[in-house]
Amino acid sequence: MTMIETLTAMLASPLMQRGLLIAVLVGVSAPVIGTYLVQRRLALLGDGIGHVALTGVAMGWLAGSAAGLTAHDALAVPGAVVAAVVGAVLIEVMRTRGRTSGDVALALLFYGGIAGGVLLIGLAGGTSANLTGYLFGSIATVTTTDVWLTAGLAAVVLGVGLGLRPALFSLCHDEEFALATGLPVRALNILVAVMAALTVSVSMRVVGVLLVSAVMIVPVAVAQLLTRSFAGTMGTAMAVGAAVCVTGLSITYFQPLSPGAMIVVLAIGCYVLALLVRPLLVRVRPHGGPHGAEEIHGVEDDLQLRGA
């Protein structure tokens, strides 16, 4: 079978069609919220929310079992969405009130999420093995309902992340300035946390809760090395995210490998490549004079995500 025939067979497979569609949705939407998290130095928030989402998955199993559903995991993803949103709001409340530091709050989510998931899945009549697909991703179990749910969540994430970009950027860049300008800082903080929770729920089926933060953060880290503005960073991160998700999933069609692990490895490979290419870009980039293009766009460049 030639390569073209193999690719045609892959694209004709309903399973791969669903998987590729979800991969594109995840690759485009996850870096949008990841850009704000990187700017706020909350790169590990996705990991913490992901662990709480695992408890939600187990809650969905328990509810499905109690309701006598044939597929006990039918409510797993909705359960993950609810648990992730609640967990994200709790950590934001703890962080803003100052009673618990951010790293301690994240640690509580990490440990409590895993423990709660394992205990609840046992009560639902399952085992920890039933959580493996959610821990590392499982495209093979994606249904048409999952595709529609993912599309809806991704649309919300993209609508908020792109539609409110000026306000959210102001919040993430300088919270005190945002408060002084009259922005509803507390509401926006909670909104970012909720969007992060929805992003985790969107990405869970592709890369799993243990690797979900990588899809949110690594494409942003790649984009930071190649761009000079916040908007450029977000756009490039979206492109990188979509590329690695689709490529990683396609590779696993030919080789029996974990899609989530392959996607993350490709993303890290892109970061290493960007590190190697960046000195060349800096060398060829025009410096501009006192009134050159660099000065004209100086304000935007000052707001770039350097080292965030």
C-alpha atoms as a PDB file:
ATOM      1  CA  MET A   1       0.000   0.000   0.000  1.00  0.00           C
ATOM      2  CA  THR A   2       1.429   3.380  -1.018  1.00  0.00           C
ATOM      3  CA  MET A   3       1.676   6.353   1.332  1.00  0.00           C
ATOM      4  CA  ILE A   4      -1.185   8.128  -0.453  1.00  0.00           C
ATOM      5  CA  GLU A   5      -3.417   5.080  -0.092  1.00  0.00           C
ATOM      6  CA  THR A   6      -2.502   4.805   3.579  1.00  0.00           C
ATOM      7  CA  LEU A   7      -3.323   8.460   4.200  1.00  0.00           C
ATOM      8  CA  THR A   8      -6.597   8.067   2.316  1.00  0.00           C
ATOM      9  CA  ALA A   9      -7.497   5.061   4.469  1.00  0.00           C
ATOM     10  CA  MET A  10      -6.618   7.036   7.615  1.00  0.00           C
ATOM     11  CA  LEU A  11      -8.819   9.966   6.613  1.00  0.00           C
ATOM     12  CA  ALA A  12     -11.650   7.604   5.669  1.00  0.00           C
ATOM     13  CA  SER A  13     -11.671   6.013   9.111  1.00  0.00           C
ATOM     14  CA  PRO A  14     -14.540   7.399  11.259  1.00  0.00           C
ATOM     15  CA  LEU A  15     -12.364   6.931  14.352  1.00  0.00           C
ATOM     16  CA  MET A  16      -9.539   9.020  12.903  1.00  0.00           C
ATOM     17  CA  GLN A  17     -11.978  11.606  11.595  1.00  0.00           C
ATOM     18  CA  ARG A  18     -13.317  12.125  15.097  1.00  0.00           C
ATOM     19  CA  GLY A  19      -9.825  12.039  16.567  1.00  0.00           C
ATOM     20  CA  LEU A  20      -8.364  14.551  14.107  1.00  0.00           C
ATOM     21  CA  LEU A  21     -11.279  16.933  14.610  1.00  0.00           C
ATOM     22  CA  ILE A  22     -10.807  16.844  18.372  1.00  0.00           C
ATOM     23  CA  ALA A  23      -7.031  17.203  17.923  1.00  0.00           C
ATOM     24  CA  VAL A  24      -7.529  20.413  15.919  1.00  0.00           C
ATOM     25  CA  LEU A  25      -9.983  21.800  18.482  1.00  0.00           C
ATOM     26  CA  VAL A  26      -7.615  21.016  21.349  1.00  0.00           C
ATOM     27  CA  GLY A  27      -4.519  22.273  19.543  1.00  0.00           C
ATOM     28  CA  VAL A  28      -6.139  25.621  18.739  1.00  0.00           C
ATOM     29  CA  SER A  29      -8.010  26.296  21.977  1.00  0.00           C
ATOM     30  CA  ALA A  30      -5.605  25.063  24.676  1.00  0.00           C
ATOM     31  CA  PRO A  31      -2.762  27.546  23.918  1.00  0.00           C
ATOM     32  CA  VAL A  32      -5.197  30.480  24.027  1.00  0.00           C
ATOM     33  CA  ILE A  33      -5.825  30.067  27.747  1.00  0.00           C
ATOM     34  CA  GLY A  34      -2.275  28.808  28.209  1.00  0.00           C
ATOM     35  CA  THR A  35      -0.999  32.195  27.040  1.00  0.00           C
ATOM     36  CA  TYR A  36      -2.816  33.932  29.889  1.00  0.00           C
ATOM     37  CA  LEU A  37      -1.638  31.348  32.426  1.00  0.00           C
ATOM     38  CA  VAL A  38       1.989  31.789  31.336  1.00  0.00           C
ATOM     39  CA  GLN A  39       1.641  35.560  31.610  1.00  0.00           C
ATOM     40  CA  ARG A  40       0.310  35.146  35.154  1.00  0.00           C
ATOM     41  CA  ARG A  41       3.008  32.590  36.064  1.00  0.00           C
ATOM     42  CA  LEU A  42       0.374  29.932  36.682  1.00  0.00           C
ATOM     43  CA  ALA A  43       1.746  27.366  34.250  1.00  0.00           C
ATOM     44  CA  LEU A  44       1.042  24.480  36.629  1.00  0.00           C
ATOM     45  CA  LEU A  45      -2.600  25.426  37.165  1.00  0.00           C
ATOM     46  CA  GLY A  46      -3.624  23.111  34.331  1.00  0.00           C
ATOM     47  CA  ASP A  47      -2.007  20.169  36.106  1.00  0.00           C
ATOM     48  CA  GLY A  48      -3.855  20.903  39.329  1.00  0.00           C
ATOM     49  CA  ILE A  49      -7.194  21.284  37.553  1.00  0.00           C
ATOM     50  CA  GLY A  50      -6.508  18.111  35.588  1.00  0.00           C
ATOM     51  CA  HIS A  51      -6.150  16.103  38.778  1.00  0.00           C
ATOM     52  CA  VAL A  52      -9.448  17.476  40.050  1.00  0.00           C
ATOM     53  CA  ALA A  53     -11.033  16.598  36.708  1.00  0.00           C
ATOM     54  CA  LEU A  54     -10.024  13.000  37.384  1.00  0.00           C
ATOM     55  CA  THR A  55     -12.237  13.063  40.462  1.00  0.00           C
ATOM     56  CA  GLY A  56     -15.010  14.396  38.245  1.00  0.00           C
ATOM     57  CA  VAL A  57     -14.510  11.487  35.850  1.00  0.00           C
ATOM     58  CA  ALA A  58     -14.940   9.058  38.730  1.00  0.00           C
ATOM     59  CA  MET A  59     -18.011  10.983  39.935  1.00  0.00           C
ATOM     60  CA  GLY A  60     -19.476  10.596  36.445  1.00  0.00           C
ATOM     61  CA  TRP A  61     -18.808   6.855  36.590  1.00  0.00           C
ATOM     62  CA  LEU A  62     -20.489   6.669  39.990  1.00  0.00           C
ATOM     63  CA  ALA A  63     -23.522   8.615  38.747  1.00  0.00           C
ATOM     64  CA  GLY A  64     -23.759   6.473  35.624  1.00  0.00           C
ATOM     65  CA  SER A  65     -23.551   3.300  37.698  1.00  0.00           C
ATOM     66  CA  ALA A  66     -26.203   4.540  40.132  1.00  0.00           C
ATOM     67  CA  ALA A  67     -28.482   5.490  37.244  1.00  0.00           C
ATOM     68  CA  GLY A  68     -28.094   2.045  35.702  1.00  0.00           C
ATOM     69  CA  LEU A  69     -26.647   3.356  32.442  1.00  0.00           C
ATOM     70  CA  THR A  70     -25.298   0.698  30.087  1.00  0.00           C
ATOM     71  CA  ALA A  71     -22.132   2.735  29.529  1.00  0.00           C
ATOM     72  CA  HIS A  72     -20.942   3.642  32.996  1.00  0.00           C
ATOM     73  CA  ASP A  73     -18.601   6.296  31.580  1.00  0.00           C
ATOM     74  CA  ALA A  74     -21.381   8.161  29.745  1.00  0.00           C
ATOM     75  CA  LEU A  75     -21.291  10.931  32.362  1.00  0.00           C
ATOM     76  CA  ALA A  76     -17.518  10.910  32.818  1.00  0.00           C
ATOM     77  CA  VAL A  77     -16.730  13.978  30.706  1.00  0.00           C
ATOM     78  CA  PRO A  78     -19.646  16.089  32.066  1.00  0.00           C
ATOM     79  CA  GLY A  79     -18.505  15.095  35.548  1.00  0.00           C
ATOM     80  CA  ALA A  80     -14.976  16.191  34.718  1.00  0.00           C
ATOM     81  CA  VAL A  81     -16.248  19.565  33.486  1.00  0.00           C
ATOM     82  CA  VAL A  82     -18.188  20.217  36.698  1.00  0.00           C
ATOM     83  CA  ALA A  83     -15.338  19.111  38.986  1.00  0.00           C
ATOM     84  CA  ALA A  84     -12.726  21.063  37.035  1.00  0.00           C
ATOM     85  CA  VAL A  85     -14.752  24.286  37.149  1.00  0.00           C
ATOM     86  CA  VAL A  86     -15.413  23.930  40.885  1.00  0.00           C
ATOM     87  CA  GLY A  87     -11.745  23.170  41.567  1.00  0.00           C
ATOM     88  CA  ALA A  88     -10.554  26.104  39.473  1.00  0.00           C
ATOM     89  CA  VAL A  89     -12.862  28.532  41.258  1.00  0.00           C
ATOM     90  CA  LEU A  90     -11.769  27.213  44.670  1.00  0.00           C
ATOM     91  CA  ILE A  91      -8.082  27.645  43.913  1.00  0.00           C
ATOM     92  CA  GLU A  92      -8.694  31.172  42.624  1.00  0.00           C
ATOM     93  CA  VAL A  93     -10.616  32.073  45.788  1.00  0.00           C
ATOM     94  CA  MET A  94      -7.854  30.636  47.990  1.00  0.00           C
ATOM     95  CA  ARG A  95      -5.208  32.451  45.985  1.00  0.00           C
ATOM     96  CA  THR A  96      -6.872  35.875  46.007  1.00  0.00           C
ATOM     97  CA  ARG A  97      -7.832  35.801  49.681  1.00  0.00           C
ATOM     98  CA  GLY A  98      -4.249  34.995  50.606  1.00  0.00           C
ATOM     99  CA  ARG A  99      -5.068  32.357  53.198  1.00  0.00           C
ATOM    100  CA  THR A 100      -3.287  29.686  51.191  1.00  0.00           C
ATOM    101  CA  SER A 101      -0.336  30.299  48.880  1.00  0.00           C
ATOM    102  CA  GLY A 102      -0.680  29.343  45.239  1.00  0.00           C
ATOM    103  CA  ASP A 103       1.740  26.412  45.377  1.00  0.00           C
ATOM    104  CA  VAL A 104       0.046  24.930  48.459  1.00  0.00           C
ATOM    105  CA  ALA A 105      -3.374  25.263  46.841  1.00  0.00           C
ATOM    106  CA  LEU A 106      -2.071  23.499  43.738  1.00  0.00           C
ATOM    107  CA  ALA A 107      -0.576  20.735  45.869  1.00  0.00           C
ATOM    108  CA  LEU A 108      -3.952  20.187  47.527  1.00  0.00           C
ATOM    109  CA  LEU A 109      -5.547  19.850  44.102  1.00  0.00           C
ATOM    110  CA  PHE A 110      -2.852  17.427  42.942  1.00  0.00           C
ATOM    111  CA  TYR A 111      -3.135  15.035  45.859  1.00  0.00           C
ATOM    112  CA  GLY A 112      -6.855  15.370  46.518  1.00  0.00           C
ATOM    113  CA  GLY A 113      -7.753  14.958  42.858  1.00  0.00           C
ATOM    114  CA  ILE A 114      -5.871  11.703  42.374  1.00  0.00           C
ATOM    115  CA  ALA A 115      -6.995  10.242  45.707  1.00  0.00           C
ATOM    116  CA  GLY A 116     -10.619  11.215  45.161  1.00  0.00           C
ATOM    117  CA  GLY A 117     -10.637   9.745  41.664  1.00  0.00           C
ATOM    118  CA  VAL A 118      -9.245   6.379  42.772  1.00  0.00           C
ATOM    119  CA  LEU A 119     -11.641   6.104  45.721  1.00  0.00           C
ATOM    120  CA  LEU A 120     -14.755   7.097  43.773  1.00  0.00           C
ATOM    121  CA  ILE A 121     -14.016   4.802  40.841  1.00  0.00           C
ATOM    122  CA  GLY A 122     -13.825   1.958  43.360  1.00  0.00           C
ATOM    123  CA  LEU A 123     -17.210   2.907  44.779  1.00  0.00           C
ATOM    124  CA  ALA A 124     -18.589   2.910  41.227  1.00  0.00           C
ATOM    125  CA  GLY A 125     -17.580  -0.731  40.837  1.00  0.00           C
ATOM    126  CA  GLY A 126     -14.586  -0.031  38.618  1.00  0.00           C
ATOM    127  CA  THR A 127     -10.840  -0.120  39.138  1.00  0.00           C
ATOM    128  CA  SER A 128      -7.994   2.340  38.730  1.00  0.00           C
ATOM    129  CA  ALA A 129      -7.397   0.748  35.307  1.00  0.00           C
ATOM    130  CA  ASN A 130     -10.630   2.388  34.134  1.00  0.00           C
ATOM    131  CA  LEU A 131      -8.992   5.767  34.698  1.00  0.00           C
ATOM    132  CA  THR A 132      -5.975   5.004  32.486  1.00  0.00           C
ATOM    133  CA  GLY A 133      -7.579   6.378  29.335  1.00  0.00           C
ATOM    134  CA  TYR A 134      -8.330   9.653  31.108  1.00  0.00           C
ATOM    135  CA  LEU A 135      -4.852   9.834  32.649  1.00  0.00           C
ATOM    136  CA  PHE A 136      -2.992   9.477  29.349  1.00  0.00           C
ATOM    137  CA  GLY A 137      -5.658  10.110  26.710  1.00  0.00           C
ATOM    138  CA  SER A 138      -7.534   7.592  24.599  1.00  0.00           C
ATOM    139  CA  ILE A 139      -8.623   8.590  21.111  1.00  0.00           C
ATOM    140  CA  ALA A 140      -9.949   5.075  20.506  1.00  0.00           C
ATOM    141  CA  THR A 141     -12.809   5.667  22.945  1.00  0.00           C
ATOM    142  CA  VAL A 142     -13.922   9.019  21.474  1.00  0.00           C
ATOM    143  CA  THR A 143     -17.574   9.038  20.445  1.00  0.00           C
ATOM    144  CA  THR A 144     -19.627  11.411  18.314  1.00  0.00           C
ATOM    145  CA  THR A 145     -21.096  12.854  21.521  1.00  0.00           C
ATOM    146  CA  ASP A 146     -17.557  13.578  22.758  1.00  0.00           C
ATOM    147  CA  VAL A 147     -16.839  15.441  19.517  1.00  0.00           C
ATOM    148  CA  TRP A 148     -19.886  17.671  19.904  1.00  0.00           C
ATOM    149  CA  LEU A 149     -19.134  18.314  23.570  1.00  0.00           C
ATOM    150  CA  THR A 150     -15.511  19.142  22.774  1.00  0.00           C
ATOM    151  CA  ALA A 151     -16.572  21.451  19.946  1.00  0.00           C
ATOM    152  CA  GLY A 152     -18.950  23.313  22.248  1.00  0.00           C
ATOM    153  CA  LEU A 153     -16.374  23.724  25.008  1.00  0.00           C
ATOM    154  CA  ALA A 154     -13.689  24.783  22.521  1.00  0.00           C
ATOM    155  CA  ALA A 155     -16.042  27.397  21.050  1.00  0.00           C
ATOM    156  CA  VAL A 156     -16.600  28.869  24.517  1.00  0.00           C
ATOM    157  CA  VAL A 157     -12.868  28.907  25.278  1.00  0.00           C
ATOM    158  CA  LEU A 158     -12.000  30.561  21.965  1.00  0.00           C
ATOM    159  CA  GLY A 159     -14.871  33.038  22.218  1.00  0.00           C
ATOM    160  CA  VAL A 160     -13.797  34.227  25.670  1.00  0.00           C
ATOM    161  CA  GLY A 161     -10.045  33.977  25.112  1.00  0.00           C
ATOM    162  CA  LEU A 162     -10.066  35.921  21.859  1.00  0.00           C
ATOM    163  CA  GLY A 163     -13.112  38.123  22.395  1.00  0.00           C
ATOM    164  CA  LEU A 164     -11.941  39.448  25.771  1.00  0.00           C
ATOM    165  CA  ARG A 165      -8.243  39.533  24.923  1.00  0.00           C
ATOM    166  CA  PRO A 166      -7.668  43.240  25.690  1.00  0.00           C
ATOM    167  CA  ALA A 167      -9.269  43.012  29.135  1.00  0.00           C
ATOM    168  CA  LEU A 168      -7.673  39.660  29.991  1.00  0.00           C
ATOM    169  CA  PHE A 169      -4.263  40.826  28.822  1.00  0.00           C
ATOM    170  CA  SER A 170      -4.532  43.920  30.987  1.00  0.00           C
ATOM    171  CA  LEU A 171      -5.473  41.729  33.936  1.00  0.00           C
ATOM    172  CA  CYS A 172      -2.616  39.275  33.422  1.00  0.00           C
ATOM    173  CA  HIS A 173       0.009  41.917  32.648  1.00  0.00           C
ATOM    174  CA  ASP A 174      -0.716  44.252  35.552  1.00  0.00           C
ATOM    175  CA  GLU A 175      -3.597  43.432  37.878  1.00  0.00           C
ATOM    176  CA  GLU A 176      -3.299  46.697  39.817  1.00  0.00           C
ATOM    177  CA  PHE A 177      -3.480  48.733  36.609  1.00  0.00           C
ATOM    178  CA  ALA A 178      -6.517  46.724  35.491  1.00  0.00           C
ATOM    179  CA  LEU A 179      -8.208  47.459  38.838  1.00  0.00           C
ATOM    180  CA  ALA A 180      -7.397  51.169  38.532  1.00  0.00           C
ATOM    181  CA  THR A 181      -8.975  51.323  35.075  1.00  0.00           C
ATOM    182  CA  GLY A 182     -12.232  49.956  36.437  1.00  0.00           C
ATOM    183  CA  LEU A 183     -12.069  46.404  35.111  1.00  0.00           C
ATOM    184  CA  PRO A 184     -13.925  43.768  37.183  1.00  0.00           C
ATOM    185  CA  VAL A 185     -10.693  42.112  38.283  1.00  0.00           C
ATOM    186  CA  ARG A 186     -12.225  39.516  40.602  1.00  0.00           C
ATOM    187  CA  ALA A 187     -14.741  38.388  37.992  1.00  0.00           C
ATOM    188  CA  LEU A 188     -12.056  38.238  35.301  1.00  0.00           C
ATOM    189  CA  ASN A 189      -9.766  36.199  37.573  1.00  0.00           C
ATOM    190  CA  ILE A 190     -12.519  33.661  38.114  1.00  0.00           C
ATOM    191  CA  LEU A 191     -13.305  33.700  34.395  1.00  0.00           C
ATOM    192  CA  VAL A 192      -9.692  32.812  33.529  1.00  0.00           C
ATOM    193  CA  ALA A 193      -9.788  29.974  36.062  1.00  0.00           C
ATOM    194  CA  VAL A 194     -13.064  28.651  34.641  1.00  0.00           C
ATOM    195  CA  MET A 195     -11.714  28.853  31.076  1.00  0.00           C
ATOM    196  CA  ALA A 196      -8.651  26.913  32.209  1.00  0.00           C
ATOM    197  CA  ALA A 197     -10.964  24.262  33.646  1.00  0.00           C
ATOM    198  CA  LEU A 198     -12.911  24.017  30.389  1.00  0.00           C
ATOM    199  CA  THR A 199      -9.642  23.783  28.450  1.00  0.00           C
ATOM    200  CA  VAL A 200      -8.537  20.872  30.616  1.00  0.00           C
ATOM    201  CA  SER A 201     -11.859  19.157  29.965  1.00  0.00           C
ATOM    202  CA  VAL A 202     -11.488  19.750  26.212  1.00  0.00           C
ATOM    203  CA  SER A 203      -7.942  18.365  26.115  1.00  0.00           C
ATOM    204  CA  MET A 204      -8.484  15.393  28.419  1.00  0.00           C
ATOM    205  CA  ARG A 205      -9.564  12.968  25.710  1.00  0.00           C
ATOM    206  CA  VAL A 206      -6.488  13.695  23.549  1.00  0.00           C
ATOM    207  CA  VAL A 207      -3.546  13.927  25.949  1.00  0.00           C
ATOM    208  CA  GLY A 208      -4.989  12.886  29.316  1.00  0.00           C
ATOM    209  CA  VAL A 209      -5.078  14.825  32.561  1.00  0.00           C
ATOM    210  CA  LEU A 210      -1.425  14.088  33.386  1.00  0.00           C
ATOM    211  CA  LEU A 211      -0.165  15.761  30.200  1.00  0.00           C
ATOM    212  CA  VAL A 212      -2.869  18.335  29.566  1.00  0.00           C
ATOM    213  CA  SER A 213      -0.853  21.247  30.936  1.00  0.00           C
ATOM    214  CA  ALA A 214       1.872  20.593  28.369  1.00  0.00           C
ATOM    215  CA  VAL A 215      -0.503  21.271  25.467  1.00  0.00           C
ATOM    216  CA  MET A 216      -1.552  24.511  27.142  1.00  0.00           C
ATOM    217  CA  ILE A 217       1.949  25.736  27.998  1.00  0.00           C
ATOM    218  CA  VAL A 218       4.642  24.315  25.678  1.00  0.00           C
ATOM    219  CA  PRO A 219       3.253  25.842  22.439  1.00  0.00           C
ATOM    220  CA  VAL A 220       3.207  29.196  24.234  1.00  0.00           C
ATOM    221  CA  ALA A 221       6.842  28.704  25.278  1.00  0.00           C
ATOM    222  CA  VAL A 222       7.704  27.967  21.627  1.00  0.00           C
ATOM    223  CA  ALA A 223       5.856  31.064  20.437  1.00  0.00           C
ATOM    224  CA  GLN A 224       7.653  33.270  22.976  1.00  0.00           C
ATOM    225  CA  LEU A 225      10.957  32.406  21.348  1.00  0.00           C
ATOM    226  CA  LEU A 226       9.748  33.343  17.871  1.00  0.00           C
ATOM    227  CA  THR A 227       7.468  36.369  18.315  1.00  0.00           C
ATOM    228  CA  ARG A 228       7.658  39.845  19.798  1.00  0.00           C
ATOM    229  CA  SER A 229       4.098  40.655  20.895  1.00  0.00           C
ATOM    230  CA  PHE A 230       1.285  39.207  22.945  1.00  0.00           C
ATOM    231  CA  ALA A 231      -1.016  38.799  19.942  1.00  0.00           C
ATOM    232  CA  GLY A 232       1.789  37.230  17.919  1.00  0.00           C
ATOM    233  CA  THR A 233       2.576  34.831  20.749  1.00  0.00           C
ATOM    234  CA  MET A 234      -1.032  33.693  21.025  1.00  0.00           C
ATOM    235  CA  GLY A 235      -1.471  33.236  17.269  1.00  0.00           C
ATOM    236  CA  THR A 236       1.782  31.317  16.865  1.00  0.00           C
ATOM    237  CA  ALA A 237       0.995  29.142  19.897  1.00  0.00           C
ATOM    238  CA  MET A 238      -2.369  28.224  18.364  1.00  0.00           C
ATOM    239  CA  ALA A 239      -0.676  27.208  15.111  1.00  0.00           C
ATOM    240  CA  VAL A 240       1.986  25.174  16.910  1.00  0.00           C
ATOM    241  CA  GLY A 241      -0.624  23.501  19.117  1.00  0.00           C
ATOM    242  CA  ALA A 242      -2.778  22.461  16.166  1.00  0.00           C
ATOM    243  CA  ALA A 243       0.248  21.214  14.221  1.00  0.00           C
ATOM    244  CA  VAL A 244       1.663  19.019  16.993  1.00  0.00           C
ATOM    245  CA  CYS A 245      -1.751  17.604  17.936  1.00  0.00           C
ATOM    246  CA  VAL A 246      -2.631  16.610  14.375  1.00  0.00           C
ATOM    247  CA  THR A 247       0.875  15.325  13.613  1.00  0.00           C
ATOM    248  CA  GLY A 248       1.134  13.379  16.858  1.00  0.00           C
ATOM    249  CA  LEU A 249      -2.233  11.721  16.360  1.00  0.00           C
ATOM    250  CA  SER A 250      -1.396  10.876  12.734  1.00  0.00           C
ATOM    251  CA  ILE A 251       1.873   9.228  13.752  1.00  0.00           C
ATOM    252  CA  THR A 252       0.055   6.991  16.211  1.00  0.00           C
ATOM    253  CA  TYR A 253      -2.117   5.740  13.350  1.00  0.00           C
ATOM    254  CA  PHE A 254       0.990   4.128  11.867  1.00  0.00           C
ATOM    255  CA  GLN A 255       2.711   3.194  15.130  1.00  0.00           C
ATOM    256  CA  PRO A 256       1.052   1.777  18.282  1.00  0.00           C
ATOM    257  CA  LEU A 257       2.087   4.660  20.527  1.00  0.00           C
ATOM    258  CA  SER A 258       0.275   6.840  23.044  1.00  0.00           C
ATOM    259  CA  PRO A 259      -1.212   9.898  21.249  1.00  0.00           C
ATOM    260  CA  GLY A 260      -0.841  12.104  24.319  1.00  0.00           C
ATOM    261  CA  ALA A 261       2.801  11.241  24.865  1.00  0.00           C
ATOM    262  CA  MET A 262       3.621  11.656  21.169  1.00  0.00           C
ATOM    263  CA  ILE A 263       1.948  15.077  21.033  1.00  0.00           C
ATOM    264  CA  VAL A 264       3.858  16.317  24.074  1.00  0.00           C
ATOM    265  CA  VAL A 265       7.185  14.981  22.770  1.00  0.00           C
ATOM    266  CA  LEU A 266       6.598  16.757  19.446  1.00  0.00           C
ATOM    267  CA  ALA A 267       5.760  19.992  21.276  1.00  0.00           C
ATOM    268  CA  ILE A 268       8.976  19.777  23.296  1.00  0.00           C
ATOM    269  CA  GLY A 269      10.873  19.022  20.083  1.00  0.00           C
ATOM    270  CA  CYS A 270       9.432  22.212  18.589  1.00  0.00           C
ATOM    271  CA  TYR A 271      10.663  24.117  21.650  1.00  0.00           C
ATOM    272  CA  VAL A 272      14.202  22.752  21.218  1.00  0.00           C
ATOM    273  CA  LEU A 273      14.095  23.627  17.504  1.00  0.00           C
ATOM    274  CA  ALA A 274      12.894  27.138  18.315  1.00  0.00           C
ATOM    275  CA  LEU A 275      15.794  27.540  20.738  1.00  0.00           C
ATOM    276  CA  LEU A 276      18.209  26.662  17.940  1.00  0.00           C
ATOM    277  CA  VAL A 277      16.526  28.892  15.357  1.00  0.00           C
ATOM    278  CA  ARG A 278      16.009  31.939  17.569  1.00  0.00           C
ATOM    279  CA  PRO A 279      19.619  33.249  17.376  1.00  0.00           C
ATOM    280  CA  LEU A 280      19.324  33.269  13.580  1.00  0.00           C
ATOM    281  CA  LEU A 281      16.062  35.214  13.740  1.00  0.00           C
ATOM    282  CA  VAL A 282      17.576  37.765  16.105  1.00  0.00           C
ATOM    283  CA  ARG A 283      20.558  38.159  13.788  1.00  0.00           C
ATOM    284  CA  VAL A 284      18.493  38.863  10.665  1.00  0.00           C
ATOM    285  CA  ARG A 285      15.825  40.967  12.396  1.00  0.00           C
ATOM    286  CA  PRO A 286      16.311  44.677  11.587  1.00  0.00           C
ATOM    287  CA  HIS A 287      17.211  46.807  14.572  1.00  0.00           C
ATOM    288  CA  GLY A 288      15.624  49.968  13.257  1.00  0.00           C
ATOM    289  CA  GLY A 289      16.651  53.503  14.026  1.00  0.00           C
ATOM    290  CA  PRO A 290      15.367  55.955  16.603  1.00  0.00           C
ATOM    291  CA  HIS A 291      12.256  56.426  14.481  1.00  0.00           C
ATOM    292  CA  GLY A 292      12.171  53.029  12.795  1.00  0.00           C
ATOM    293  CA  ALA A 293       9.598  50.295  12.844  1.00  0.00           C
ATOM    294  CA  GLU A 294      10.877  48.947  16.141  1.00  0.00           C
ATOM    295  CA  GLU A 295      10.121  52.271  17.801  1.00  0.00           C
ATOM    296  CA  ILE A 296       6.685  52.491  16.215  1.00  0.00           C
ATOM    297  CA  HIS A 297       5.736  49.136  17.658  1.00  0.00           C
ATOM    298  CA  GLY A 298       7.687  49.649  20.862  1.00  0.00           C
ATOM    299  CA  VAL A 299       4.652  49.748  23.123  1.00  0.00           C
ATOM    300  CA  GLU A 300       3.410  46.386  21.899  1.00  0.00           C
ATOM    301  CA  ASP A 301       6.903  44.890  22.135  1.00  0.00           C
ATOM    302  CA  ASP A 302       7.230  46.079  25.729  1.00  0.00           C
ATOM    303  CA  LEU A 303       4.164  44.009  26.546  1.00  0.00           C
ATOM    304  CA  GLN A 304       5.571  40.792  25.101  1.00  0.00           C
ATOM    305  CA  LEU A 305       5.796  37.627  27.156  1.00  0.00           C
ATOM    306  CA  ARG A 306       9.508  37.624  27.951  1.00  0.00           C
ATOM    307  CA  GLY A 307      10.342  34.842  30.343  1.00  0.00           C
ATOM    308  CA  ALA A 308       6.784  34.674  31.692  1.00  0.00           C
END
